[in-house]
Amino acid sequence: MTEHEARPTADRDRAHAAPDDSPPGSAAQDNGAQVSQDVTPAAVNDAPIPELVIISGMSGAGRSTAAKCLEDLSWFVVDNLPPALIPTMVELGARSQGNVARIAVVVDVRGRRFFDNLRESLADLDSRGVTRRIVFLESSEDALVRRFESVRRPHPLQGDGRIVDGIAAERELLRELRGDADLVIDTSGLNVHELRAKMDARFAGEEEPELRATVMSFGFKYGLPVDADLVADMRFLPNPHWVPELRPFTGVNEEVASYVFNQPGAKEFLDRYAELLRLIAAGYRREGKRYVTIAIGCTGGKHRSVAMSEKLAARLAAEGVETVVVHRDMGRE
């Protein structure tokens, strides 16, 4: 979910160092979870099958923070579990007769010798009807390098090379898994608290809605959001930046929003894009996709994209889609 980029540098660097710097196995020890390869539980035909979330992504992108957030939400969390043991973990949860209803497993390259087994384990889970989701934590190369340098740790895959070499190798290794992820969160501009807030927004509710949407405004001059599912460009509308009395304000200001939506094509775009999103949302639901990030961009992410994002989010919310609005670049100027 890039959302909320750009924080004061010193505080941000300290906060960014935290997301993924827990020692291997720490979450498992905190939970008292011990998983042995010798455990082969008998099949439980009528036992409730636990819900499963697999947390993966780039080293330094916040996997440990995401896992701890789920632990605080009463999920049973196991860190650095070999992928081949995930079905066994689910079976153990089923044997608990409902006492372990939700399991989160962190999978990363620290267990890379087992990583090839992940796809086979996922196929096994699908054949058993296990509800499972993959959360992938992404981050930019610059942010990852800064985080590793701030804690003076090598990247687990860099070997005798540089940190950037390890990042490139890991990104290639995880490319296919990222493509299969149900939820991608770009933590490049997030501190620990913001990442936890994003996880809370998606997993705290007892009853999950059919579809959750994040509508994100952004500025093209700051780069495309890497976790966006859909991107729309508002630069076809006149820019309020060139109207002196509107320049200091943002798209949440009523005068700016009125200016934007009085331009030819603005209201028509909102109506037709909302109609298109209804079609896409129906397809996402059929395919089991629960989260969508809709990015709305303009030059600086201050006026047009902000105004359109606010209106689009209100339209989606009125149609029963749980919607969060994020203004990624507002305030960066």
C-alpha atoms as a PDB file:
ATOM      1  CA  MET A   1       0.000   0.000   0.000  1.00  0.00           C
ATOM      2  CA  THR A   2       3.762   3.815  -1.956  1.00  0.00           C
ATOM      3  CA  GLU A   3       1.646   5.605   0.513  1.00  0.00           C
ATOM      4  CA  HIS A   4       2.751   8.506   2.756  1.00  0.00           C
ATOM      5  CA  GLU A   5       6.222   9.053   1.222  1.00  0.00           C
ATOM      6  CA  ALA A   6       8.722  11.636   2.527  1.00  0.00           C
ATOM      7  CA  ARG A   7       9.434  12.158   6.221  1.00  0.00           C
ATOM      8  CA  PRO A   8      12.158  14.144   8.022  1.00  0.00           C
ATOM      9  CA  THR A   9      15.385  12.390   7.152  1.00  0.00           C
ATOM     10  CA  ALA A  10      16.877  11.625  10.536  1.00  0.00           C
ATOM     11  CA  ASP A  11      13.667  10.383  12.108  1.00  0.00           C
ATOM     12  CA  ARG A  12      12.752   8.503   8.982  1.00  0.00           C
ATOM     13  CA  ASP A  13      16.085   6.699   8.775  1.00  0.00           C
ATOM     14  CA  ARG A  14      15.815   5.580  12.377  1.00  0.00           C
ATOM     15  CA  ALA A  15      12.250   4.448  11.875  1.00  0.00           C
ATOM     16  CA  HIS A  16      13.103   2.715   8.617  1.00  0.00           C
ATOM     17  CA  ALA A  17      15.874   0.719  10.218  1.00  0.00           C
ATOM     18  CA  ALA A  18      13.376  -0.990  12.464  1.00  0.00           C
ATOM     19  CA  PRO A  19      10.976  -2.800  10.111  1.00  0.00           C
ATOM     20  CA  ASP A  20      13.114  -5.782   9.200  1.00  0.00           C
ATOM     21  CA  ASP A  21      16.047  -5.968  11.545  1.00  0.00           C
ATOM     22  CA  SER A  22      14.877  -8.620  13.991  1.00  0.00           C
ATOM     23  CA  PRO A  23      17.240 -11.591  14.235  1.00  0.00           C
ATOM     24  CA  PRO A  24      16.170 -14.760  12.411  1.00  0.00           C
ATOM     25  CA  GLY A  25      13.589 -16.777  14.301  1.00  0.00           C
ATOM     26  CA  SER A  26      12.721 -14.003  16.752  1.00  0.00           C
ATOM     27  CA  ALA A  27       8.985 -14.016  16.062  1.00  0.00           C
ATOM     28  CA  ALA A  28       8.819 -17.765  16.451  1.00  0.00           C
ATOM     29  CA  GLN A  29      10.583 -17.530  19.798  1.00  0.00           C
ATOM     30  CA  ASP A  30       8.328 -14.705  20.967  1.00  0.00           C
ATOM     31  CA  ASN A  31       5.281 -16.828  20.179  1.00  0.00           C
ATOM     32  CA  GLY A  32       6.747 -19.968  21.668  1.00  0.00           C
ATOM     33  CA  ALA A  33       6.228 -21.704  18.316  1.00  0.00           C
ATOM     34  CA  GLN A  34       8.400 -24.733  17.755  1.00  0.00           C
ATOM     35  CA  VAL A  35       8.007 -26.531  14.432  1.00  0.00           C
ATOM     36  CA  SER A  36       9.806 -29.825  13.894  1.00  0.00           C
ATOM     37  CA  GLN A  37      10.257 -31.594  10.573  1.00  0.00           C
ATOM     38  CA  ASP A  38       9.445 -34.797  12.427  1.00  0.00           C
ATOM     39  CA  VAL A  39       5.892 -33.620  13.144  1.00  0.00           C
ATOM     40  CA  THR A  40       3.425 -35.414  10.855  1.00  0.00           C
ATOM     41  CA  PRO A  41      -0.050 -34.869  12.274  1.00  0.00           C
ATOM     42  CA  ALA A  42      -2.915 -37.057  11.180  1.00  0.00           C
ATOM     43  CA  ALA A  43      -5.422 -35.542   8.804  1.00  0.00           C
ATOM     44  CA  VAL A  44      -8.308 -33.817  10.515  1.00  0.00           C
ATOM     45  CA  ASN A  45     -11.307 -34.022   8.242  1.00  0.00           C
ATOM     46  CA  ASP A  46     -13.853 -31.981  10.153  1.00  0.00           C
ATOM     47  CA  ALA A  47     -11.569 -29.511  11.923  1.00  0.00           C
ATOM     48  CA  PRO A  48     -11.829 -25.828  10.934  1.00  0.00           C
ATOM     49  CA  ILE A  49      -8.979 -24.851   8.632  1.00  0.00           C
ATOM     50  CA  PRO A  50      -7.063 -21.780   9.852  1.00  0.00           C
ATOM     51  CA  GLU A  51      -6.825 -18.682   7.694  1.00  0.00           C
ATOM     52  CA  LEU A  52      -3.266 -18.189   6.424  1.00  0.00           C
ATOM     53  CA  VAL A  53      -1.230 -15.114   5.526  1.00  0.00           C
ATOM     54  CA  ILE A  54       2.234 -15.504   4.034  1.00  0.00           C
ATOM     55  CA  ILE A  55       4.464 -12.457   4.565  1.00  0.00           C
ATOM     56  CA  SER A  56       7.410 -12.071   2.240  1.00  0.00           C
ATOM     57  CA  GLY A  57       9.278  -9.392   0.336  1.00  0.00           C
ATOM     58  CA  MET A  58      12.567  -7.573   0.276  1.00  0.00           C
ATOM     59  CA  SER A  59      14.958  -7.746   3.210  1.00  0.00           C
ATOM     60  CA  GLY A  60      14.747  -4.412   5.017  1.00  0.00           C
ATOM     61  CA  ALA A  61      11.275  -3.629   3.649  1.00  0.00           C
ATOM     62  CA  GLY A  62       9.426  -4.328   6.884  1.00  0.00           C
ATOM     63  CA  ARG A  63       8.541  -8.017   7.099  1.00  0.00           C
ATOM     64  CA  SER A  64       9.193  -8.216  10.834  1.00  0.00           C
ATOM     65  CA  THR A  65       7.092  -5.131  11.527  1.00  0.00           C
ATOM     66  CA  ALA A  66       4.220  -6.536   9.464  1.00  0.00           C
ATOM     67  CA  ALA A  67       4.474  -9.856  11.308  1.00  0.00           C
ATOM     68  CA  LYS A  68       4.514  -8.199  14.732  1.00  0.00           C
ATOM     69  CA  CYS A  69       1.467  -6.179  13.776  1.00  0.00           C
ATOM     70  CA  LEU A  70      -0.452  -9.372  12.993  1.00  0.00           C
ATOM     71  CA  GLU A  71       0.779 -10.887  16.239  1.00  0.00           C
ATOM     72  CA  ASP A  72      -0.710  -7.908  18.085  1.00  0.00           C
ATOM     73  CA  LEU A  73      -3.981  -8.635  16.276  1.00  0.00           C
ATOM     74  CA  SER A  74      -3.942 -12.161  17.789  1.00  0.00           C
ATOM     75  CA  TRP A  75      -2.601 -13.982  14.749  1.00  0.00           C
ATOM     76  CA  PHE A  76      -0.320 -16.952  15.438  1.00  0.00           C
ATOM     77  CA  VAL A  77       2.970 -15.824  13.836  1.00  0.00           C
ATOM     78  CA  VAL A  78       5.902 -18.011  12.806  1.00  0.00           C
ATOM     79  CA  ASP A  79       9.044 -16.326  11.461  1.00  0.00           C
ATOM     80  CA  ASN A  80      11.403 -17.818   8.882  1.00  0.00           C
ATOM     81  CA  LEU A  81       9.448 -21.054   8.468  1.00  0.00           C
ATOM     82  CA  PRO A  82      10.701 -23.281   5.614  1.00  0.00           C
ATOM     83  CA  PRO A  83       8.001 -23.216   2.908  1.00  0.00           C
ATOM     84  CA  ALA A  84       7.781 -27.009   2.877  1.00  0.00           C
ATOM     85  CA  LEU A  85       6.471 -26.886   6.452  1.00  0.00           C
ATOM     86  CA  ILE A  86       3.646 -24.408   5.817  1.00  0.00           C
ATOM     87  CA  PRO A  87       1.031 -27.157   5.145  1.00  0.00           C
ATOM     88  CA  THR A  88       2.157 -28.909   8.341  1.00  0.00           C
ATOM     89  CA  MET A  89       1.721 -25.669  10.246  1.00  0.00           C
ATOM     90  CA  VAL A  90      -1.828 -25.346   8.902  1.00  0.00           C
ATOM     91  CA  GLU A  91      -2.596 -28.939   9.927  1.00  0.00           C
ATOM     92  CA  LEU A  92      -1.342 -28.240  13.432  1.00  0.00           C
ATOM     93  CA  GLY A  93      -3.612 -25.212  13.546  1.00  0.00           C
ATOM     94  CA  ALA A  94      -6.564 -27.336  12.427  1.00  0.00           C
ATOM     95  CA  ARG A  95      -5.868 -29.800  15.245  1.00  0.00           C
ATOM     96  CA  SER A  96      -6.255 -26.959  17.754  1.00  0.00           C
ATOM     97  CA  GLN A  97     -10.030 -27.113  17.160  1.00  0.00           C
ATOM     98  CA  GLY A  98     -10.368 -23.425  16.511  1.00  0.00           C
ATOM     99  CA  ASN A  99      -7.846 -22.167  19.060  1.00  0.00           C
ATOM    100  CA  VAL A 100      -5.498 -21.210  16.206  1.00  0.00           C
ATOM    101  CA  ALA A 101      -7.834 -19.675  13.658  1.00  0.00           C
ATOM    102  CA  ARG A 102      -5.360 -17.357  11.919  1.00  0.00           C
ATOM    103  CA  ILE A 103      -1.743 -18.113  11.077  1.00  0.00           C
ATOM    104  CA  ALA A 104       0.866 -15.757   9.636  1.00  0.00           C
ATOM    105  CA  VAL A 105       4.110 -17.168   8.247  1.00  0.00           C
ATOM    106  CA  VAL A 106       7.161 -15.103   7.311  1.00  0.00           C
ATOM    107  CA  VAL A 107       9.076 -16.517   4.335  1.00  0.00           C
ATOM    108  CA  ASP A 108      12.316 -14.889   3.202  1.00  0.00           C
ATOM    109  CA  VAL A 109      15.691 -15.568   1.624  1.00  0.00           C
ATOM    110  CA  ARG A 110      17.241 -16.504   4.952  1.00  0.00           C
ATOM    111  CA  GLY A 111      15.621 -19.852   4.187  1.00  0.00           C
ATOM    112  CA  ARG A 112      16.440 -19.701   0.471  1.00  0.00           C
ATOM    113  CA  ARG A 113      17.445 -23.367   0.286  1.00  0.00           C
ATOM    114  CA  PHE A 114      13.782 -24.135   0.979  1.00  0.00           C
ATOM    115  CA  PHE A 115      12.385 -21.369  -1.220  1.00  0.00           C
ATOM    116  CA  ASP A 116      11.923 -23.606  -4.249  1.00  0.00           C
ATOM    117  CA  ASN A 117       9.372 -25.586  -2.235  1.00  0.00           C
ATOM    118  CA  LEU A 118       7.063 -22.607  -1.806  1.00  0.00           C
ATOM    119  CA  ARG A 119       5.090 -23.040  -5.015  1.00  0.00           C
ATOM    120  CA  GLU A 120       4.515 -26.723  -4.247  1.00  0.00           C
ATOM    121  CA  SER A 121       3.302 -25.825  -0.755  1.00  0.00           C
ATOM    122  CA  LEU A 122       0.930 -23.183  -2.143  1.00  0.00           C
ATOM    123  CA  ALA A 123      -0.530 -25.715  -4.583  1.00  0.00           C
ATOM    124  CA  ASP A 124      -1.001 -28.148  -1.688  1.00  0.00           C
ATOM    125  CA  LEU A 125      -2.819 -25.494   0.339  1.00  0.00           C
ATOM    126  CA  ASP A 126      -5.066 -24.609  -2.597  1.00  0.00           C
ATOM    127  CA  SER A 127      -6.028 -28.247  -3.052  1.00  0.00           C
ATOM    128  CA  ARG A 128      -7.128 -28.374   0.601  1.00  0.00           C
ATOM    129  CA  GLY A 129      -9.274 -25.260   0.295  1.00  0.00           C
ATOM    130  CA  VAL A 130      -7.102 -23.201   2.645  1.00  0.00           C
ATOM    131  CA  THR A 131      -7.848 -19.466   2.535  1.00  0.00           C
ATOM    132  CA  ARG A 132      -4.437 -17.959   2.071  1.00  0.00           C
ATOM    133  CA  ARG A 133      -3.080 -14.574   1.109  1.00  0.00           C
ATOM    134  CA  ILE A 134       0.390 -13.359   0.223  1.00  0.00           C
ATOM    135  CA  VAL A 135       1.542  -9.972   1.536  1.00  0.00           C
ATOM    136  CA  PHE A 136       4.653  -8.690  -0.232  1.00  0.00           C
ATOM    137  CA  LEU A 137       6.742  -5.878   1.275  1.00  0.00           C
ATOM    138  CA  GLU A 138       8.474  -3.812  -1.413  1.00  0.00           C
ATOM    139  CA  SER A 139      10.875  -0.877  -1.196  1.00  0.00           C
ATOM    140  CA  SER A 140      13.106   1.194  -3.447  1.00  0.00           C
ATOM    141  CA  GLU A 141      16.804   0.458  -3.789  1.00  0.00           C
ATOM    142  CA  ASP A 142      17.744   3.807  -2.215  1.00  0.00           C
ATOM    143  CA  ALA A 143      15.567   3.180   0.835  1.00  0.00           C
ATOM    144  CA  LEU A 144      16.895  -0.354   1.309  1.00  0.00           C
ATOM    145  CA  VAL A 145      20.524   0.739   1.009  1.00  0.00           C
ATOM    146  CA  ARG A 146      19.917   3.506   3.548  1.00  0.00           C
ATOM    147  CA  ARG A 147      18.334   1.078   6.000  1.00  0.00           C
ATOM    148  CA  PHE A 148      21.113  -1.487   5.764  1.00  0.00           C
ATOM    149  CA  GLU A 149      23.768   1.211   6.116  1.00  0.00           C
ATOM    150  CA  SER A 150      22.009   2.754   9.112  1.00  0.00           C
ATOM    151  CA  VAL A 151      22.173  -0.530  11.034  1.00  0.00           C
ATOM    152  CA  ARG A 152      25.594  -1.477   9.568  1.00  0.00           C
ATOM    153  CA  ARG A 153      24.459  -4.901   8.462  1.00  0.00           C
ATOM    154  CA  PRO A 154      25.224  -6.679   5.184  1.00  0.00           C
ATOM    155  CA  HIS A 155      22.432  -7.760   2.896  1.00  0.00           C
ATOM    156  CA  PRO A 156      21.875 -11.532   3.303  1.00  0.00           C
ATOM    157  CA  LEU A 157      22.588 -12.126  -0.419  1.00  0.00           C
ATOM    158  CA  GLN A 158      25.402  -9.678  -1.103  1.00  0.00           C
ATOM    159  CA  GLY A 159      28.224 -12.148  -0.369  1.00  0.00           C
ATOM    160  CA  ASP A 160      31.513 -10.450  -1.240  1.00  0.00           C
ATOM    161  CA  GLY A 161      29.717  -7.793  -3.299  1.00  0.00           C
ATOM    162  CA  ARG A 162      27.928  -4.591  -2.434  1.00  0.00           C
ATOM    163  CA  ILE A 163      24.571  -4.082  -0.767  1.00  0.00           C
ATOM    164  CA  VAL A 164      23.051  -3.156  -4.133  1.00  0.00           C
ATOM    165  CA  ASP A 165      24.234  -6.500  -5.534  1.00  0.00           C
ATOM    166  CA  GLY A 166      22.381  -8.362  -2.803  1.00  0.00           C
ATOM    167  CA  ILE A 167      19.260  -6.267  -3.362  1.00  0.00           C
ATOM    168  CA  ALA A 168      19.324  -6.997  -7.097  1.00  0.00           C
ATOM    169  CA  ALA A 169      19.773 -10.733  -6.509  1.00  0.00           C
ATOM    170  CA  GLU A 170      16.928 -10.848  -3.993  1.00  0.00           C
ATOM    171  CA  ARG A 171      14.593  -8.832  -6.216  1.00  0.00           C
ATOM    172  CA  GLU A 172      15.156 -11.276  -9.056  1.00  0.00           C
ATOM    173  CA  LEU A 173      14.621 -14.266  -6.753  1.00  0.00           C
ATOM    174  CA  LEU A 174      11.330 -12.845  -5.473  1.00  0.00           C
ATOM    175  CA  ARG A 175      10.029 -11.518  -8.794  1.00  0.00           C
ATOM    176  CA  GLU A 176       7.566 -14.353  -9.391  1.00  0.00           C
ATOM    177  CA  LEU A 177       6.278 -14.304  -5.817  1.00  0.00           C
ATOM    178  CA  ARG A 178       5.681 -10.556  -6.041  1.00  0.00           C
ATOM    179  CA  GLY A 179       3.576 -11.140  -9.132  1.00  0.00           C
ATOM    180  CA  ASP A 180       1.436 -13.664  -7.233  1.00  0.00           C
ATOM    181  CA  ALA A 181       0.962 -11.434  -4.178  1.00  0.00           C
ATOM    182  CA  ASP A 182      -2.534 -10.459  -3.076  1.00  0.00           C
ATOM    183  CA  LEU A 183      -1.254  -7.301  -1.423  1.00  0.00           C
ATOM    184  CA  VAL A 184       1.917  -5.338  -2.243  1.00  0.00           C
ATOM    185  CA  ILE A 185       2.951  -2.593   0.179  1.00  0.00           C
ATOM    186  CA  ASP A 186       5.722  -0.208  -0.840  1.00  0.00           C
ATOM    187  CA  THR A 187       7.425   0.934   2.364  1.00  0.00           C
ATOM    188  CA  SER A 188       9.969   3.264   0.728  1.00  0.00           C
ATOM    189  CA  GLY A 189       8.479   6.328   2.412  1.00  0.00           C
ATOM    190  CA  LEU A 190       6.837   4.673   5.409  1.00  0.00           C
ATOM    191  CA  ASN A 191       8.056   4.655   8.970  1.00  0.00           C
ATOM    192  CA  VAL A 192       7.262   1.851  11.389  1.00  0.00           C
ATOM    193  CA  HIS A 193       4.064   3.443  12.664  1.00  0.00           C
ATOM    194  CA  GLU A 194       2.695   4.074   9.171  1.00  0.00           C
ATOM    195  CA  LEU A 195       3.372   0.492   8.114  1.00  0.00           C
ATOM    196  CA  ARG A 196       1.579  -0.785  11.196  1.00  0.00           C
ATOM    197  CA  ALA A 197      -1.359   1.495  10.403  1.00  0.00           C
ATOM    198  CA  LYS A 198      -1.581   0.047   6.902  1.00  0.00           C
ATOM    199  CA  MET A 199      -1.535  -3.506   8.229  1.00  0.00           C
ATOM    200  CA  ASP A 200      -4.162  -2.627  10.839  1.00  0.00           C
ATOM    201  CA  ALA A 201      -6.375  -1.146   8.135  1.00  0.00           C
ATOM    202  CA  ARG A 202      -6.336  -4.443   6.235  1.00  0.00           C
ATOM    203  CA  PHE A 203      -6.397  -7.048   8.994  1.00  0.00           C
ATOM    204  CA  ALA A 204      -7.905  -5.512  12.138  1.00  0.00           C
ATOM    205  CA  GLY A 205     -11.557  -5.905  11.168  1.00  0.00           C
ATOM    206  CA  GLU A 206     -13.327  -9.060  12.270  1.00  0.00           C
ATOM    207  CA  GLU A 207     -15.497  -9.082   9.167  1.00  0.00           C
ATOM    208  CA  GLU A 208     -13.556  -8.579   5.958  1.00  0.00           C
ATOM    209  CA  PRO A 209     -15.295  -6.616   3.197  1.00  0.00           C
ATOM    210  CA  GLU A 210     -15.453  -8.057  -0.279  1.00  0.00           C
ATOM    211  CA  LEU A 211     -13.024  -5.489  -1.598  1.00  0.00           C
ATOM    212  CA  ARG A 212     -10.873  -2.797  -0.039  1.00  0.00           C
ATOM    213  CA  ALA A 213      -9.533   0.083  -2.077  1.00  0.00           C
ATOM    214  CA  THR A 214      -6.764   2.597  -1.516  1.00  0.00           C
ATOM    215  CA  VAL A 215      -7.121   5.716  -3.659  1.00  0.00           C
ATOM    216  CA  MET A 216      -3.729   7.401  -3.793  1.00  0.00           C
ATOM    217  CA  SER A 217      -2.881  10.788  -5.226  1.00  0.00           C
ATOM    218  CA  PHE A 218       0.711  11.282  -6.378  1.00  0.00           C
ATOM    219  CA  GLY A 219       2.968  13.534  -8.424  1.00  0.00           C
ATOM    220  CA  PHE A 220       4.532  12.164 -11.595  1.00  0.00           C
ATOM    221  CA  LYS A 221       7.647  14.226 -10.944  1.00  0.00           C
ATOM    222  CA  TYR A 222       8.240  12.096  -7.833  1.00  0.00           C
ATOM    223  CA  GLY A 223       7.800   8.800  -9.673  1.00  0.00           C
ATOM    224  CA  LEU A 224       5.056   6.247 -10.176  1.00  0.00           C
ATOM    225  CA  PRO A 225       3.825   4.308  -7.103  1.00  0.00           C
ATOM    226  CA  VAL A 226       5.285   0.828  -7.498  1.00  0.00           C
ATOM    227  CA  ASP A 227       2.381  -0.829  -5.677  1.00  0.00           C
ATOM    228  CA  ALA A 228      -0.388   0.705  -7.787  1.00  0.00           C
ATOM    229  CA  ASP A 229      -2.769  -1.683  -9.538  1.00  0.00           C
ATOM    230  CA  LEU A 230      -4.331   1.054 -11.661  1.00  0.00           C
ATOM    231  CA  VAL A 231      -2.925   4.470 -12.654  1.00  0.00           C
ATOM    232  CA  ALA A 232      -4.826   7.463 -14.052  1.00  0.00           C
ATOM    233  CA  ASP A 233      -3.289  10.729 -15.287  1.00  0.00           C
ATOM    234  CA  MET A 234      -4.972  14.073 -14.468  1.00  0.00           C
ATOM    235  CA  ARG A 235      -2.518  16.185 -16.461  1.00  0.00           C
ATOM    236  CA  PHE A 236      -5.147  16.562 -19.188  1.00  0.00           C
ATOM    237  CA  LEU A 237      -6.822  19.142 -16.906  1.00  0.00           C
ATOM    238  CA  PRO A 238      -5.600  22.746 -16.473  1.00  0.00           C
ATOM    239  CA  ASN A 239      -3.238  23.077 -13.535  1.00  0.00           C
ATOM    240  CA  PRO A 240      -4.426  25.252 -10.589  1.00  0.00           C
ATOM    241  CA  HIS A 241      -0.742  25.885  -9.905  1.00  0.00           C
ATOM    242  CA  TRP A 242      -0.884  28.607 -12.548  1.00  0.00           C
ATOM    243  CA  VAL A 243      -3.784  30.370 -10.829  1.00  0.00           C
ATOM    244  CA  PRO A 244      -2.055  32.628  -8.260  1.00  0.00           C
ATOM    245  CA  GLU A 245      -4.927  32.642  -5.742  1.00  0.00           C
ATOM    246  CA  LEU A 246      -5.152  28.805  -5.831  1.00  0.00           C
ATOM    247  CA  ARG A 247      -1.461  27.936  -5.920  1.00  0.00           C
ATOM    248  CA  PRO A 248      -0.886  27.876  -2.121  1.00  0.00           C
ATOM    249  CA  PHE A 249      -3.796  25.496  -1.529  1.00  0.00           C
ATOM    250  CA  THR A 250      -4.292  21.796  -2.227  1.00  0.00           C
ATOM    251  CA  GLY A 251      -6.974  19.705  -3.860  1.00  0.00           C
ATOM    252  CA  VAL A 252      -8.771  19.194  -0.533  1.00  0.00           C
ATOM    253  CA  ASN A 253      -9.569  22.911  -0.577  1.00  0.00           C
ATOM    254  CA  GLU A 254     -13.107  23.592  -1.811  1.00  0.00           C
ATOM    255  CA  GLU A 255     -12.060  26.390  -4.176  1.00  0.00           C
ATOM    256  CA  VAL A 256      -9.374  24.218  -5.793  1.00  0.00           C
ATOM    257  CA  ALA A 257     -11.746  21.250  -6.151  1.00  0.00           C
ATOM    258  CA  SER A 258     -14.406  23.485  -7.707  1.00  0.00           C
ATOM    259  CA  TYR A 259     -11.859  24.843 -10.166  1.00  0.00           C
ATOM    260  CA  VAL A 260     -10.753  21.323 -11.141  1.00  0.00           C
ATOM    261  CA  PHE A 261     -14.261  19.957 -11.615  1.00  0.00           C
ATOM    262  CA  ASN A 262     -15.438  22.969 -13.581  1.00  0.00           C
ATOM    263  CA  GLN A 263     -12.881  22.150 -16.271  1.00  0.00           C
ATOM    264  CA  PRO A 264     -14.071  20.327 -19.434  1.00  0.00           C
ATOM    265  CA  GLY A 265     -13.786  16.570 -19.035  1.00  0.00           C
ATOM    266  CA  ALA A 266     -13.298  16.418 -15.259  1.00  0.00           C
ATOM    267  CA  LYS A 267     -16.793  15.325 -14.274  1.00  0.00           C
ATOM    268  CA  GLU A 268     -17.029  13.062 -17.325  1.00  0.00           C
ATOM    269  CA  PHE A 269     -13.770  11.376 -16.335  1.00  0.00           C
ATOM    270  CA  LEU A 270     -15.020  10.792 -12.774  1.00  0.00           C
ATOM    271  CA  ASP A 271     -18.271   9.240 -13.994  1.00  0.00           C
ATOM    272  CA  ARG A 272     -16.683   6.991 -16.599  1.00  0.00           C
ATOM    273  CA  TYR A 273     -13.732   5.945 -14.468  1.00  0.00           C
ATOM    274  CA  ALA A 274     -16.065   5.038 -11.601  1.00  0.00           C
ATOM    275  CA  GLU A 275     -18.086   2.959 -14.042  1.00  0.00           C
ATOM    276  CA  LEU A 276     -14.922   1.240 -15.264  1.00  0.00           C
ATOM    277  CA  LEU A 277     -13.889   0.533 -11.672  1.00  0.00           C
ATOM    278  CA  ARG A 278     -17.231  -1.155 -11.005  1.00  0.00           C
ATOM    279  CA  LEU A 279     -16.459  -3.531 -13.859  1.00  0.00           C
ATOM    280  CA  ILE A 280     -12.917  -4.142 -12.644  1.00  0.00           C
ATOM    281  CA  ALA A 281     -14.027  -4.582  -9.020  1.00  0.00           C
ATOM    282  CA  ALA A 282     -16.500  -7.284 -10.036  1.00  0.00           C
ATOM    283  CA  GLY A 283     -13.691  -9.139 -11.788  1.00  0.00           C
ATOM    284  CA  TYR A 284     -11.362  -8.748  -8.809  1.00  0.00           C
ATOM    285  CA  ARG A 285     -14.007 -10.254  -6.535  1.00  0.00           C
ATOM    286  CA  ARG A 286     -14.487 -13.212  -8.868  1.00  0.00           C
ATOM    287  CA  GLU A 287     -10.730 -13.799  -8.866  1.00  0.00           C
ATOM    288  CA  GLY A 288     -10.486 -13.529  -5.080  1.00  0.00           C
ATOM    289  CA  LYS A 289      -8.490 -10.272  -5.065  1.00  0.00           C
ATOM    290  CA  ARG A 290      -9.372  -8.339  -1.916  1.00  0.00           C
ATOM    291  CA  TYR A 291      -7.229  -5.206  -2.200  1.00  0.00           C
ATOM    292  CA  VAL A 292      -6.752  -2.688  -4.983  1.00  0.00           C
ATOM    293  CA  THR A 293      -4.624   0.450  -5.098  1.00  0.00           C
ATOM    294  CA  ILE A 294      -5.849   3.122  -7.504  1.00  0.00           C
ATOM    295  CA  ALA A 295      -3.250   5.811  -8.174  1.00  0.00           C
ATOM    296  CA  ILE A 296      -4.354   9.214  -9.485  1.00  0.00           C
ATOM    297  CA  GLY A 297      -1.493  11.397 -10.664  1.00  0.00           C
ATOM    298  CA  CYS A 298      -0.781  14.948 -11.734  1.00  0.00           C
ATOM    299  CA  THR A 299       2.459  16.886 -12.044  1.00  0.00           C
ATOM    300  CA  GLY A 300       3.173  17.553  -8.365  1.00  0.00           C
ATOM    301  CA  GLY A 301       0.497  15.570  -6.544  1.00  0.00           C
ATOM    302  CA  LYS A 302      -0.938  18.698  -4.947  1.00  0.00           C
ATOM    303  CA  HIS A 303      -4.026  19.933  -6.797  1.00  0.00           C
ATOM    304  CA  ARG A 304      -5.689  17.926  -9.574  1.00  0.00           C
ATOM    305  CA  SER A 305      -4.833  14.421  -8.403  1.00  0.00           C
ATOM    306  CA  VAL A 306      -5.816  15.247  -4.811  1.00  0.00           C
ATOM    307  CA  ALA A 307      -9.195  16.687  -5.829  1.00  0.00           C
ATOM    308  CA  MET A 308      -9.971  13.739  -8.106  1.00  0.00           C
ATOM    309  CA  SER A 309      -8.862  11.189  -5.502  1.00  0.00           C
ATOM    310  CA  GLU A 310     -11.179  12.683  -2.891  1.00  0.00           C
ATOM    311  CA  LYS A 311     -14.174  12.582  -5.231  1.00  0.00           C
ATOM    312  CA  LEU A 312     -13.397   9.095  -6.534  1.00  0.00           C
ATOM    313  CA  ALA A 313     -12.951   7.688  -3.022  1.00  0.00           C
ATOM    314  CA  ALA A 314     -16.279   9.170  -1.959  1.00  0.00           C
ATOM    315  CA  ARG A 315     -17.923   7.588  -5.003  1.00  0.00           C
ATOM    316  CA  LEU A 316     -16.454   4.164  -4.223  1.00  0.00           C
ATOM    317  CA  ALA A 317     -17.409   4.391  -0.547  1.00  0.00           C
ATOM    318  CA  ALA A 318     -20.979   5.242  -1.515  1.00  0.00           C
ATOM    319  CA  GLU A 319     -21.055   2.037  -3.562  1.00  0.00           C
ATOM    320  CA  GLY A 320     -20.036  -0.122  -0.597  1.00  0.00           C
ATOM    321  CA  VAL A 321     -16.284  -0.382  -1.215  1.00  0.00           C
ATOM    322  CA  GLU A 322     -14.222   0.165   1.942  1.00  0.00           C
ATOM    323  CA  THR A 323     -11.948   2.963   0.823  1.00  0.00           C
ATOM    324  CA  VAL A 324      -8.882   4.725   2.215  1.00  0.00           C
ATOM    325  CA  VAL A 325      -7.538   7.949   0.704  1.00  0.00           C
ATOM    326  CA  VAL A 326      -3.783   8.590   0.738  1.00  0.00           C
ATOM    327  CA  HIS A 327      -2.128  11.743  -0.598  1.00  0.00           C
ATOM    328  CA  ARG A 328       1.399  10.518  -1.165  1.00  0.00           C
ATOM    329  CA  ASP A 329       3.116  13.710  -2.273  1.00  0.00           C
ATOM    330  CA  MET A 330       0.914  16.464  -0.887  1.00  0.00           C
ATOM    331  CA  GLY A 331       3.134  18.760   1.159  1.00  0.00           C
ATOM    332  CA  ARG A 332       6.405  17.829  -0.527  1.00  0.00           C
ATOM    333  CA  GLU A 333       6.771  21.171  -2.266  1.00  0.00           C
END
